[in-house]
C-alpha atoms as a PDB file:
ATOM      1  CA  UNK A   1      37.017  -3.277  25.102  1.00  0.00           C
ATOM      2  CA  UNK A   2      35.968  -6.683  23.737  1.00  0.00           C
ATOM      3  CA  UNK A   3      32.724  -6.460  25.764  1.00  0.00           C
ATOM      4  CA  UNK A   4      31.800  -3.158  24.077  1.00  0.00           C
ATOM      5  CA  UNK A   5      32.515  -4.590  20.632  1.00  0.00           C
ATOM      6  CA  UNK A   6      30.173  -7.525  21.355  1.00  0.00           C
ATOM      7  CA  UNK A   7      27.417  -5.213  22.601  1.00  0.00           C
ATOM      8  CA  UNK A   8      27.892  -2.904  19.606  1.00  0.00           C
ATOM      9  CA  UNK A   9      27.711  -5.830  17.178  1.00  0.00           C
ATOM     10  CA  UNK A  10      24.584  -7.198  18.870  1.00  0.00           C
ATOM     11  CA  UNK A  11      22.928  -3.771  18.789  1.00  0.00           C
ATOM     12  CA  UNK A  12      23.847  -3.306  15.132  1.00  0.00           C
ATOM     13  CA  UNK A  13      22.403  -6.731  14.196  1.00  0.00           C
ATOM     14  CA  UNK A  14      19.217  -6.006  16.148  1.00  0.00           C
ATOM     15  CA  UNK A  15      18.719  -2.618  14.491  1.00  0.00           C
ATOM     16  CA  UNK A  16      19.488  -4.034  11.036  1.00  0.00           C
ATOM     17  CA  UNK A  17      16.868  -6.728  11.614  1.00  0.00           C
ATOM     18  CA  UNK A  18      14.277  -4.163  12.712  1.00  0.00           C
ATOM     19  CA  UNK A  19      15.015  -1.983   9.703  1.00  0.00           C
ATOM     20  CA  UNK A  20      14.373  -4.890   7.368  1.00  0.00           C
ATOM     21  CA  UNK A  21      10.902  -5.630   8.751  1.00  0.00           C
ATOM     22  CA  UNK A  22       8.174  -4.697   6.282  1.00  0.00           C
ATOM     23  CA  UNK A  23      10.607  -3.997   3.475  1.00  0.00           C
ATOM     24  CA  UNK A  24      10.063  -7.152   1.437  1.00  0.00           C
ATOM     25  CA  UNK A  25       8.662  -6.139  -1.945  1.00  0.00           C
ATOM     26  CA  UNK A  26       5.800  -8.403  -3.045  1.00  0.00           C
ATOM     27  CA  UNK A  27       3.310  -8.352  -5.942  1.00  0.00           C
ATOM     28  CA  UNK A  28      -0.400  -7.812  -5.197  1.00  0.00           C
ATOM     29  CA  UNK A  29      -3.511  -7.622  -7.409  1.00  0.00           C
ATOM     30  CA  UNK A  30      -7.085  -6.609  -6.788  1.00  0.00           C
ATOM     31  CA  UNK A  31      -9.823  -4.027  -7.137  1.00  0.00           C
ATOM     32  CA  UNK A  32      -8.642  -0.458  -6.587  1.00  0.00           C
ATOM     33  CA  UNK A  33     -11.269   2.026  -5.375  1.00  0.00           C
ATOM     34  CA  UNK A  34     -10.508   5.741  -5.220  1.00  0.00           C
ATOM     35  CA  UNK A  35     -12.231   9.093  -4.815  1.00  0.00           C
ATOM     36  CA  UNK A  36     -11.382  12.585  -3.568  1.00  0.00           C
ATOM     37  CA  UNK A  37     -11.247  11.425   0.069  1.00  0.00           C
ATOM     38  CA  UNK A  38      -9.430   8.095   0.052  1.00  0.00           C
ATOM     39  CA  UNK A  39      -8.192   5.131  -1.938  1.00  0.00           C
ATOM     40  CA  UNK A  40      -7.882   1.468  -1.099  1.00  0.00           C
ATOM     41  CA  UNK A  41      -7.189  -1.944  -2.584  1.00  0.00           C
ATOM     42  CA  UNK A  42      -9.379  -4.993  -2.042  1.00  0.00           C
ATOM     43  CA  UNK A  43      -6.777  -7.723  -2.669  1.00  0.00           C
ATOM     44  CA  UNK A  44      -7.730 -10.800  -4.659  1.00  0.00           C
ATOM     45  CA  UNK A  45      -9.074 -13.537  -2.395  1.00  0.00           C
ATOM     46  CA  UNK A  46      -9.487 -11.322   0.677  1.00  0.00           C
ATOM     47  CA  UNK A  47     -12.518  -9.594   2.124  1.00  0.00           C
ATOM     48  CA  UNK A  48     -10.650  -6.564   3.452  1.00  0.00           C
ATOM     49  CA  UNK A  49      -9.281  -3.233   2.276  1.00  0.00           C
ATOM     50  CA  UNK A  50      -5.713  -1.946   2.322  1.00  0.00           C
ATOM     51  CA  UNK A  51      -4.897   1.763   2.170  1.00  0.00           C
ATOM     52  CA  UNK A  52      -2.420   2.655  -0.543  1.00  0.00           C
ATOM     53  CA  UNK A  53       0.556   5.007  -0.358  1.00  0.00           C
ATOM     54  CA  UNK A  54       2.330   5.931  -3.563  1.00  0.00           C
ATOM     55  CA  UNK A  55       1.635   7.379  -6.989  1.00  0.00           C
ATOM     56  CA  UNK A  56      -1.510   5.716  -8.352  1.00  0.00           C
ATOM     57  CA  UNK A  57      -2.387   8.459 -10.865  1.00  0.00           C
ATOM     58  CA  UNK A  58      -2.038   6.130 -13.890  1.00  0.00           C
ATOM     59  CA  UNK A  59      -4.806   3.936 -12.422  1.00  0.00           C
ATOM     60  CA  UNK A  60      -7.267   6.810 -11.925  1.00  0.00           C
ATOM     61  CA  UNK A  61      -9.825   8.584 -14.115  1.00  0.00           C
ATOM     62  CA  UNK A  62     -11.057  12.126 -13.571  1.00  0.00           C
ATOM     63  CA  UNK A  63     -14.773  12.452 -12.863  1.00  0.00           C
ATOM     64  CA  UNK A  64     -17.117  14.423 -15.095  1.00  0.00           C
ATOM     65  CA  UNK A  65     -18.594  16.397 -12.193  1.00  0.00           C
ATOM     66  CA  UNK A  66     -15.476  18.454 -11.455  1.00  0.00           C
ATOM     67  CA  UNK A  67     -14.782  16.770  -8.098  1.00  0.00           C
ATOM     68  CA  UNK A  68     -11.424  15.294  -9.099  1.00  0.00           C
ATOM     69  CA  UNK A  69     -10.872  11.584  -9.450  1.00  0.00           C
ATOM     70  CA  UNK A  70     -13.174   8.723  -8.533  1.00  0.00           C
ATOM     71  CA  UNK A  71     -13.817   5.221  -9.755  1.00  0.00           C
ATOM     72  CA  UNK A  72     -12.375   1.723  -9.735  1.00  0.00           C
ATOM     73  CA  UNK A  73      -9.652  -0.145 -11.599  1.00  0.00           C
ATOM     74  CA  UNK A  74      -8.194  -3.612 -11.466  1.00  0.00           C
ATOM     75  CA  UNK A  75      -4.504  -3.252 -10.606  1.00  0.00           C
ATOM     76  CA  UNK A  76      -1.334  -5.234 -10.117  1.00  0.00           C
ATOM     77  CA  UNK A  77       1.290  -3.499  -7.991  1.00  0.00           C
ATOM     78  CA  UNK A  78       4.546  -4.187  -6.248  1.00  0.00           C
ATOM     79  CA  UNK A  79       5.144  -2.866  -2.775  1.00  0.00           C
ATOM     80  CA  UNK A  80       5.643  -3.419   0.916  1.00  0.00           C
ATOM     81  CA  UNK A  81       2.808  -4.344   3.244  1.00  0.00           C
ATOM     82  CA  UNK A  82       2.606  -2.801   6.696  1.00  0.00           C
ATOM     83  CA  UNK A  83       1.307  -4.393   9.899  1.00  0.00           C
ATOM     84  CA  UNK A  84      -2.355  -5.096  10.637  1.00  0.00           C
ATOM     85  CA  UNK A  85      -4.310  -2.288  12.241  1.00  0.00           C
ATOM     86  CA  UNK A  86      -7.093   0.202  11.538  1.00  0.00           C
ATOM     87  CA  UNK A  87      -6.042   2.790   8.981  1.00  0.00           C
ATOM     88  CA  UNK A  88      -7.571   5.342   6.662  1.00  0.00           C
ATOM     89  CA  UNK A  89     -11.046   6.819   6.596  1.00  0.00           C
ATOM     90  CA  UNK A  90     -12.865   5.578   9.738  1.00  0.00           C
ATOM     91  CA  UNK A  91     -10.260   2.839  10.168  1.00  0.00           C
ATOM     92  CA  UNK A  92     -11.697   0.792   7.280  1.00  0.00           C
ATOM     93  CA  UNK A  93      -8.289  -0.421   6.069  1.00  0.00           C
ATOM     94  CA  UNK A  94      -6.621  -3.416   7.722  1.00  0.00           C
ATOM     95  CA  UNK A  95      -3.154  -2.590   6.373  1.00  0.00           C
ATOM     96  CA  UNK A  96      -1.184   0.020   4.486  1.00  0.00           C
ATOM     97  CA  UNK A  97       0.429  -1.026   1.221  1.00  0.00           C
ATOM     98  CA  UNK A  98       3.273   1.235   0.114  1.00  0.00           C
ATOM     99  CA  UNK A  99       3.311   0.921  -3.666  1.00  0.00           C
ATOM    100  CA  UNK A 100       6.756   0.995  -5.238  1.00  0.00           C
ATOM    101  CA  UNK A 101       5.659   0.089  -8.783  1.00  0.00           C
ATOM    102  CA  UNK A 102       2.349   0.088 -10.636  1.00  0.00           C
ATOM    103  CA  UNK A 103       2.718  -2.987 -12.840  1.00  0.00           C
ATOM    104  CA  UNK A 104      -0.623  -3.206 -14.673  1.00  0.00           C
ATOM    105  CA  UNK A 105      -3.978  -1.411 -14.845  1.00  0.00           C
ATOM    106  CA  UNK A 106      -7.102  -2.840 -16.485  1.00  0.00           C
ATOM    107  CA  UNK A 107     -10.848  -2.334 -16.382  1.00  0.00           C
ATOM    108  CA  UNK A 108     -10.761   1.358 -15.466  1.00  0.00           C
ATOM    109  CA  UNK A 109     -14.229   2.651 -14.630  1.00  0.00           C
ATOM    110  CA  UNK A 110     -14.959   6.221 -13.618  1.00  0.00           C
ATOM    111  CA  UNK A 111     -17.469   7.028 -10.899  1.00  0.00           C
ATOM    112  CA  UNK A 112     -20.661   8.918 -11.530  1.00  0.00           C
END
């Protein structure tokens, strides 16, 4: 019976460790680009794009041409960053950032 308890404890600790991967909430800032097809963040200091998951509606302006939202904003968000890969439209995004809180929005510019 003791052997099964040890295996169960080890399995529990392993699964708990796996569940905690990618769940650390961090703060990120950068240029947010969005349109009717996709949205991504170019983080400060990096030359790459991250796809965003979460409610970003407060950082978006509606276009004047009736095609929904499009433009750019400078944002600060809190969220969890996923692993490196190729995500989004044509695999342009290096990561997926799951936004848990939109902290600040400035310099909102609508697209033409």
